N, C-alpha and C. Protein backbone atom coordinates (compact mmCIF):
# COMPACT_ATOMS: atom_id res chain seq x y z
N UNK A 1 -1.25 10.64 20.25
CA UNK A 1 -1.34 10.46 18.81
C UNK A 1 -2.76 10.81 18.37
N UNK A 2 -2.89 11.54 17.27
CA UNK A 2 -4.20 11.94 16.76
C UNK A 2 -5.01 10.71 16.37
N UNK A 3 -6.33 10.82 16.44
CA UNK A 3 -7.20 9.68 16.17
C UNK A 3 -7.00 9.14 14.76
N UNK A 4 -6.84 10.02 13.77
CA UNK A 4 -6.65 9.53 12.40
C UNK A 4 -5.32 8.80 12.25
N UNK A 5 -4.29 9.20 13.01
CA UNK A 5 -3.01 8.49 12.98
C UNK A 5 -3.15 7.10 13.59
N UNK A 6 -3.90 7.01 14.69
CA UNK A 6 -4.13 5.72 15.35
C UNK A 6 -4.90 4.79 14.42
N UNK A 7 -5.93 5.33 13.76
CA UNK A 7 -6.72 4.53 12.82
C UNK A 7 -5.85 4.06 11.66
N UNK A 8 -5.03 4.95 11.12
CA UNK A 8 -4.15 4.60 10.02
C UNK A 8 -3.16 3.51 10.38
N UNK A 9 -2.60 3.61 11.58
CA UNK A 9 -1.64 2.59 12.05
C UNK A 9 -2.35 1.24 12.21
N UNK A 10 -3.55 1.24 12.78
CA UNK A 10 -4.32 0.00 12.93
C UNK A 10 -4.68 -0.57 11.57
N UNK A 11 -5.01 0.31 10.63
CA UNK A 11 -5.33 -0.13 9.27
C UNK A 11 -4.15 -0.79 8.59
N UNK A 12 -2.97 -0.23 8.76
CA UNK A 12 -1.78 -0.83 8.16
C UNK A 12 -1.45 -2.18 8.80
N UNK A 13 -1.67 -2.28 10.11
CA UNK A 13 -1.47 -3.58 10.79
C UNK A 13 -2.42 -4.62 10.21
N UNK A 14 -3.70 -4.26 10.06
CA UNK A 14 -4.70 -5.17 9.51
C UNK A 14 -4.35 -5.55 8.08
N UNK A 15 -3.87 -4.59 7.30
CA UNK A 15 -3.50 -4.84 5.91
C UNK A 15 -2.34 -5.83 5.84
N UNK A 16 -1.33 -5.65 6.68
CA UNK A 16 -0.18 -6.55 6.68
C UNK A 16 -0.61 -7.98 7.07
N UNK A 17 -1.46 -8.09 8.08
CA UNK A 17 -1.98 -9.42 8.48
C UNK A 17 -2.74 -10.06 7.33
N UNK A 18 -3.59 -9.28 6.68
CA UNK A 18 -4.38 -9.78 5.54
C UNK A 18 -3.45 -10.34 4.46
N UNK A 19 -2.42 -9.57 4.12
CA UNK A 19 -1.49 -10.02 3.08
C UNK A 19 -0.79 -11.31 3.49
N UNK A 20 -0.29 -11.36 4.70
CA UNK A 20 0.39 -12.57 5.18
C UNK A 20 -0.54 -13.78 5.16
N UNK A 21 -1.79 -13.59 5.57
CA UNK A 21 -2.77 -14.68 5.58
C UNK A 21 -3.11 -15.15 4.17
N UNK A 22 -2.82 -14.30 3.18
CA UNK A 22 -3.12 -14.65 1.80
C UNK A 22 -1.86 -14.99 1.00
N UNK A 23 -0.81 -15.39 1.71
CA UNK A 23 0.36 -15.94 1.07
C UNK A 23 1.43 -14.95 0.63
N UNK A 24 1.32 -13.70 1.02
CA UNK A 24 2.33 -12.71 0.69
C UNK A 24 3.42 -12.71 1.75
N UNK A 25 4.63 -12.43 1.34
CA UNK A 25 5.74 -12.24 2.26
C UNK A 25 6.02 -10.75 2.34
N UNK A 26 5.97 -10.19 3.52
CA UNK A 26 6.21 -8.76 3.71
C UNK A 26 7.72 -8.53 3.72
N UNK A 27 8.20 -7.72 2.79
CA UNK A 27 9.62 -7.35 2.76
C UNK A 27 9.87 -6.13 3.63
N UNK A 28 8.99 -5.13 3.50
CA UNK A 28 9.16 -3.89 4.24
C UNK A 28 7.82 -3.25 4.50
N UNK A 29 7.76 -2.51 5.61
CA UNK A 29 6.59 -1.68 5.93
C UNK A 29 7.08 -0.26 6.18
N UNK A 30 6.37 0.69 5.63
CA UNK A 30 6.73 2.11 5.77
C UNK A 30 8.18 2.35 5.37
N UNK A 31 8.59 1.79 4.23
CA UNK A 31 9.94 1.97 3.75
C UNK A 31 10.12 3.42 3.30
N UNK A 32 11.20 4.02 3.73
CA UNK A 32 11.47 5.42 3.41
C UNK A 32 12.88 5.60 2.86
N UNK A 33 12.94 6.52 1.92
CA UNK A 33 14.23 7.00 1.43
C UNK A 33 14.03 8.47 1.11
N UNK A 34 14.71 9.30 1.89
CA UNK A 34 14.53 10.75 1.79
C UNK A 34 13.05 11.10 1.97
N UNK A 35 12.42 11.71 1.00
CA UNK A 35 11.01 12.10 1.12
C UNK A 35 10.06 11.05 0.53
N UNK A 36 10.61 9.94 0.05
CA UNK A 36 9.81 8.89 -0.58
C UNK A 36 9.36 7.88 0.47
N UNK A 37 8.15 7.31 0.28
CA UNK A 37 7.66 6.30 1.22
C UNK A 37 6.76 5.30 0.50
N UNK A 38 6.91 4.04 0.90
CA UNK A 38 6.03 2.97 0.44
C UNK A 38 5.39 2.35 1.68
N UNK A 39 4.06 2.16 1.65
CA UNK A 39 3.36 1.61 2.82
C UNK A 39 3.80 0.18 3.09
N UNK A 40 3.59 -0.70 2.11
CA UNK A 40 3.97 -2.11 2.26
C UNK A 40 4.62 -2.58 0.97
N UNK A 41 5.73 -3.27 1.11
CA UNK A 41 6.37 -3.92 -0.02
C UNK A 41 6.36 -5.41 0.29
N UNK A 42 5.76 -6.18 -0.62
CA UNK A 42 5.61 -7.61 -0.39
C UNK A 42 6.02 -8.37 -1.64
N UNK A 43 6.12 -9.68 -1.50
CA UNK A 43 6.35 -10.54 -2.65
C UNK A 43 5.37 -11.70 -2.61
N UNK A 44 5.03 -12.17 -3.79
CA UNK A 44 4.22 -13.38 -3.94
C UNK A 44 4.45 -13.90 -5.35
N UNK A 45 4.71 -15.17 -5.46
CA UNK A 45 4.95 -15.81 -6.77
C UNK A 45 6.01 -15.07 -7.57
N UNK A 46 7.14 -14.76 -6.93
CA UNK A 46 8.27 -14.10 -7.58
C UNK A 46 7.88 -12.79 -8.26
N UNK A 47 6.97 -12.06 -7.62
CA UNK A 47 6.55 -10.75 -8.10
C UNK A 47 6.62 -9.78 -6.92
N UNK A 48 7.17 -8.60 -7.17
CA UNK A 48 7.21 -7.56 -6.15
C UNK A 48 5.87 -6.84 -6.17
N UNK A 49 5.26 -6.72 -5.01
CA UNK A 49 3.95 -6.08 -4.91
C UNK A 49 4.08 -4.85 -4.02
N UNK A 50 3.85 -3.69 -4.63
CA UNK A 50 3.87 -2.42 -3.91
C UNK A 50 2.43 -2.14 -3.51
N UNK A 51 2.18 -2.03 -2.20
CA UNK A 51 0.81 -1.90 -1.69
C UNK A 51 0.63 -0.55 -1.03
N UNK A 52 -0.32 0.22 -1.54
CA UNK A 52 -0.73 1.47 -0.92
C UNK A 52 -1.94 1.16 -0.05
N UNK A 53 -1.85 1.49 1.23
CA UNK A 53 -2.94 1.20 2.17
C UNK A 53 -3.71 2.50 2.42
N UNK A 54 -5.02 2.43 2.25
CA UNK A 54 -5.89 3.58 2.52
C UNK A 54 -6.91 3.15 3.57
N UNK A 55 -6.84 3.78 4.74
CA UNK A 55 -7.73 3.44 5.85
C UNK A 55 -8.69 4.59 6.09
N UNK A 56 -9.96 4.25 6.24
CA UNK A 56 -11.00 5.23 6.52
C UNK A 56 -11.97 4.63 7.55
N UNK A 57 -12.55 5.48 8.37
CA UNK A 57 -13.54 4.99 9.33
C UNK A 57 -14.87 4.70 8.63
N UNK A 58 -15.13 5.41 7.53
CA UNK A 58 -16.35 5.17 6.75
C UNK A 58 -16.12 5.67 5.33
N UNK A 59 -17.11 5.42 4.47
CA UNK A 59 -17.01 5.86 3.08
C UNK A 59 -18.09 6.89 2.75
N UNK A 60 -18.49 7.66 3.75
CA UNK A 60 -19.56 8.65 3.55
C UNK A 60 -19.19 9.70 2.51
N UNK A 61 -17.93 10.10 2.47
CA UNK A 61 -17.53 11.21 1.60
C UNK A 61 -16.75 10.77 0.37
N UNK A 62 -15.92 9.74 0.52
CA UNK A 62 -15.08 9.31 -0.59
C UNK A 62 -14.68 7.85 -0.36
N UNK A 63 -14.58 7.12 -1.45
CA UNK A 63 -14.06 5.76 -1.37
C UNK A 63 -12.55 5.86 -1.13
N UNK A 64 -11.99 5.02 -0.29
CA UNK A 64 -10.56 5.14 0.04
C UNK A 64 -9.66 5.14 -1.19
N UNK A 65 -9.93 4.26 -2.15
CA UNK A 65 -9.08 4.17 -3.33
C UNK A 65 -9.11 5.44 -4.19
N UNK A 66 -10.18 6.23 -4.05
CA UNK A 66 -10.27 7.47 -4.83
C UNK A 66 -9.28 8.53 -4.33
N UNK A 67 -8.71 8.31 -3.16
CA UNK A 67 -7.70 9.23 -2.63
C UNK A 67 -6.34 9.02 -3.30
N UNK A 68 -6.23 7.96 -4.08
CA UNK A 68 -4.98 7.69 -4.80
C UNK A 68 -5.10 8.34 -6.18
N UNK A 69 -4.77 9.63 -6.22
CA UNK A 69 -4.87 10.39 -7.46
C UNK A 69 -3.56 10.27 -8.26
N UNK A 70 -3.49 10.96 -9.39
CA UNK A 70 -2.32 10.81 -10.25
C UNK A 70 -1.05 11.31 -9.58
N UNK A 71 -1.16 12.34 -8.71
CA UNK A 71 0.04 12.82 -8.02
C UNK A 71 0.56 11.75 -7.05
N UNK A 72 -0.36 11.11 -6.32
CA UNK A 72 0.02 10.05 -5.38
C UNK A 72 0.61 8.87 -6.15
N UNK A 73 -0.01 8.52 -7.27
CA UNK A 73 0.51 7.42 -8.09
C UNK A 73 1.94 7.72 -8.52
N UNK A 74 2.18 8.93 -8.96
CA UNK A 74 3.52 9.30 -9.40
C UNK A 74 4.53 9.15 -8.25
N UNK A 75 4.17 9.61 -7.04
CA UNK A 75 5.08 9.49 -5.90
C UNK A 75 5.34 8.02 -5.56
N UNK A 76 4.32 7.18 -5.64
CA UNK A 76 4.48 5.75 -5.35
C UNK A 76 5.42 5.12 -6.38
N UNK A 77 5.23 5.44 -7.64
CA UNK A 77 6.06 4.86 -8.70
C UNK A 77 7.52 5.30 -8.55
N UNK A 78 7.74 6.57 -8.24
CA UNK A 78 9.11 7.06 -8.03
C UNK A 78 9.74 6.35 -6.82
N UNK A 79 8.97 6.18 -5.76
CA UNK A 79 9.47 5.48 -4.57
C UNK A 79 9.76 4.01 -4.89
N UNK A 80 8.89 3.38 -5.66
CA UNK A 80 9.11 1.98 -6.04
C UNK A 80 10.38 1.84 -6.88
N UNK A 81 10.60 2.79 -7.78
CA UNK A 81 11.82 2.78 -8.60
C UNK A 81 13.05 2.89 -7.70
N UNK A 82 13.00 3.77 -6.72
CA UNK A 82 14.12 3.92 -5.78
C UNK A 82 14.34 2.63 -4.99
N UNK A 83 13.25 1.99 -4.57
CA UNK A 83 13.33 0.73 -3.82
C UNK A 83 14.00 -0.34 -4.67
N UNK A 84 13.55 -0.48 -5.91
CA UNK A 84 14.08 -1.51 -6.81
C UNK A 84 15.57 -1.27 -7.07
N UNK A 85 15.95 -0.03 -7.27
CA UNK A 85 17.37 0.28 -7.50
C UNK A 85 18.19 0.06 -6.24
N UNK A 86 17.64 0.47 -5.09
CA UNK A 86 18.35 0.32 -3.82
C UNK A 86 18.67 -1.15 -3.53
N UNK A 87 17.71 -2.03 -3.77
CA UNK A 87 17.90 -3.46 -3.48
C UNK A 87 18.34 -4.26 -4.70
N UNK A 88 18.55 -3.56 -5.82
CA UNK A 88 19.01 -4.20 -7.06
C UNK A 88 18.14 -5.39 -7.44
N UNK A 89 16.84 -5.15 -7.48
CA UNK A 89 15.87 -6.21 -7.80
C UNK A 89 15.63 -6.28 -9.30
N UNK A 90 15.37 -7.48 -9.77
CA UNK A 90 15.05 -7.69 -11.18
C UNK A 90 13.91 -8.70 -11.26
N UNK A 91 12.74 -8.27 -10.78
CA UNK A 91 11.55 -9.11 -10.83
C UNK A 91 10.37 -8.23 -11.24
N UNK A 92 9.30 -8.84 -11.75
CA UNK A 92 8.13 -8.05 -12.14
C UNK A 92 7.54 -7.32 -10.94
N UNK A 93 6.92 -6.17 -11.21
CA UNK A 93 6.35 -5.32 -10.16
C UNK A 93 4.87 -5.11 -10.44
N UNK A 94 4.10 -5.12 -9.36
CA UNK A 94 2.65 -4.86 -9.44
C UNK A 94 2.30 -3.82 -8.39
N UNK A 95 1.34 -2.96 -8.71
CA UNK A 95 0.90 -1.93 -7.78
C UNK A 95 -0.54 -2.23 -7.34
N UNK A 96 -0.73 -2.45 -6.05
CA UNK A 96 -2.04 -2.76 -5.48
C UNK A 96 -2.46 -1.68 -4.51
N UNK A 97 -3.76 -1.61 -4.26
CA UNK A 97 -4.31 -0.77 -3.20
C UNK A 97 -5.10 -1.68 -2.28
N UNK A 98 -4.88 -1.52 -0.98
CA UNK A 98 -5.68 -2.22 0.03
C UNK A 98 -6.50 -1.16 0.75
N UNK A 99 -7.82 -1.27 0.66
CA UNK A 99 -8.67 -0.34 1.40
C UNK A 99 -9.10 -1.01 2.70
N UNK A 100 -9.04 -0.25 3.77
CA UNK A 100 -9.38 -0.74 5.10
C UNK A 100 -10.41 0.24 5.66
N UNK A 101 -11.65 -0.24 5.84
CA UNK A 101 -12.73 0.65 6.26
C UNK A 101 -13.37 0.12 7.54
N UNK A 102 -13.62 1.03 8.47
CA UNK A 102 -14.29 0.67 9.72
C UNK A 102 -13.44 1.03 10.92
N UNK A 103 -13.57 0.23 11.93
CA UNK A 103 -12.83 0.42 13.18
C UNK A 103 -12.00 -0.83 13.46
N UNK A 104 -10.91 -0.68 14.22
CA UNK A 104 -10.09 -1.85 14.54
C UNK A 104 -10.94 -2.98 15.12
N UNK A 105 -10.68 -4.18 14.62
CA UNK A 105 -11.43 -5.35 15.05
C UNK A 105 -12.61 -5.67 14.15
N UNK A 106 -13.10 -4.66 13.42
CA UNK A 106 -14.23 -4.89 12.51
C UNK A 106 -13.94 -4.32 11.13
N UNK A 107 -12.67 -4.19 10.78
CA UNK A 107 -12.30 -3.63 9.48
C UNK A 107 -12.83 -4.49 8.34
N UNK A 108 -13.27 -3.83 7.29
CA UNK A 108 -13.59 -4.49 6.03
C UNK A 108 -12.45 -4.16 5.08
N UNK A 109 -11.80 -5.19 4.55
CA UNK A 109 -10.63 -5.01 3.70
C UNK A 109 -10.97 -5.39 2.27
N UNK A 110 -10.60 -4.52 1.34
CA UNK A 110 -10.75 -4.82 -0.08
C UNK A 110 -9.36 -4.73 -0.71
N UNK A 111 -9.00 -5.76 -1.48
CA UNK A 111 -7.69 -5.81 -2.13
C UNK A 111 -7.89 -5.57 -3.62
N UNK A 112 -7.38 -4.45 -4.10
CA UNK A 112 -7.48 -4.11 -5.51
C UNK A 112 -6.12 -4.40 -6.14
N UNK A 113 -6.05 -5.52 -6.86
CA UNK A 113 -4.80 -5.91 -7.50
C UNK A 113 -4.64 -5.15 -8.81
N UNK A 114 -3.40 -4.87 -9.18
CA UNK A 114 -3.12 -4.09 -10.40
C UNK A 114 -3.97 -2.83 -10.42
N UNK A 115 -3.99 -2.11 -9.31
CA UNK A 115 -4.84 -0.92 -9.16
C UNK A 115 -4.47 0.18 -10.15
N UNK A 116 -3.19 0.23 -10.49
CA UNK A 116 -2.75 1.21 -11.48
C UNK A 116 -1.44 0.72 -12.09
N UNK A 117 -1.11 1.31 -13.22
CA UNK A 117 0.13 1.02 -13.90
C UNK A 117 1.00 2.27 -13.87
N UNK A 118 2.31 2.10 -13.89
CA UNK A 118 3.18 3.28 -13.85
C UNK A 118 2.92 4.18 -15.06
N UNK A 119 2.73 5.46 -14.82
CA UNK A 119 2.53 6.38 -15.94
C UNK A 119 3.86 6.61 -16.66
N UNK A 120 3.75 7.01 -17.89
CA UNK A 120 4.95 7.34 -18.67
C UNK A 120 5.30 8.78 -18.35
N UNK A 121 6.52 9.02 -17.88
CA UNK A 121 6.94 10.40 -17.52
C UNK A 121 7.58 11.06 -18.71
């Protein structure tokens, strides 16, 4: 497995642990439907939380959250819509970004709640 894939997988593991330690219930990880994907789908206080995880070894070139551009946001929102319809959910939805920076065992995690709102298509 390529080094960036290993780092990304470790980052998602750390992100899931962080969420669980902070009272979130993980519904799904790496949920896929056709070409759509959601990193983590969780719930807390009767709210569905769609979490995009961005893992980087450092922030020398770009902050992890800056990699979530409007195209990525659109794909996440479309995937979230598919998820909600698939499971027939009727609860409020929030979109968060979890940034995971460093190396496994020493990750620094930042949780950006309400990182973006669904754009109007």
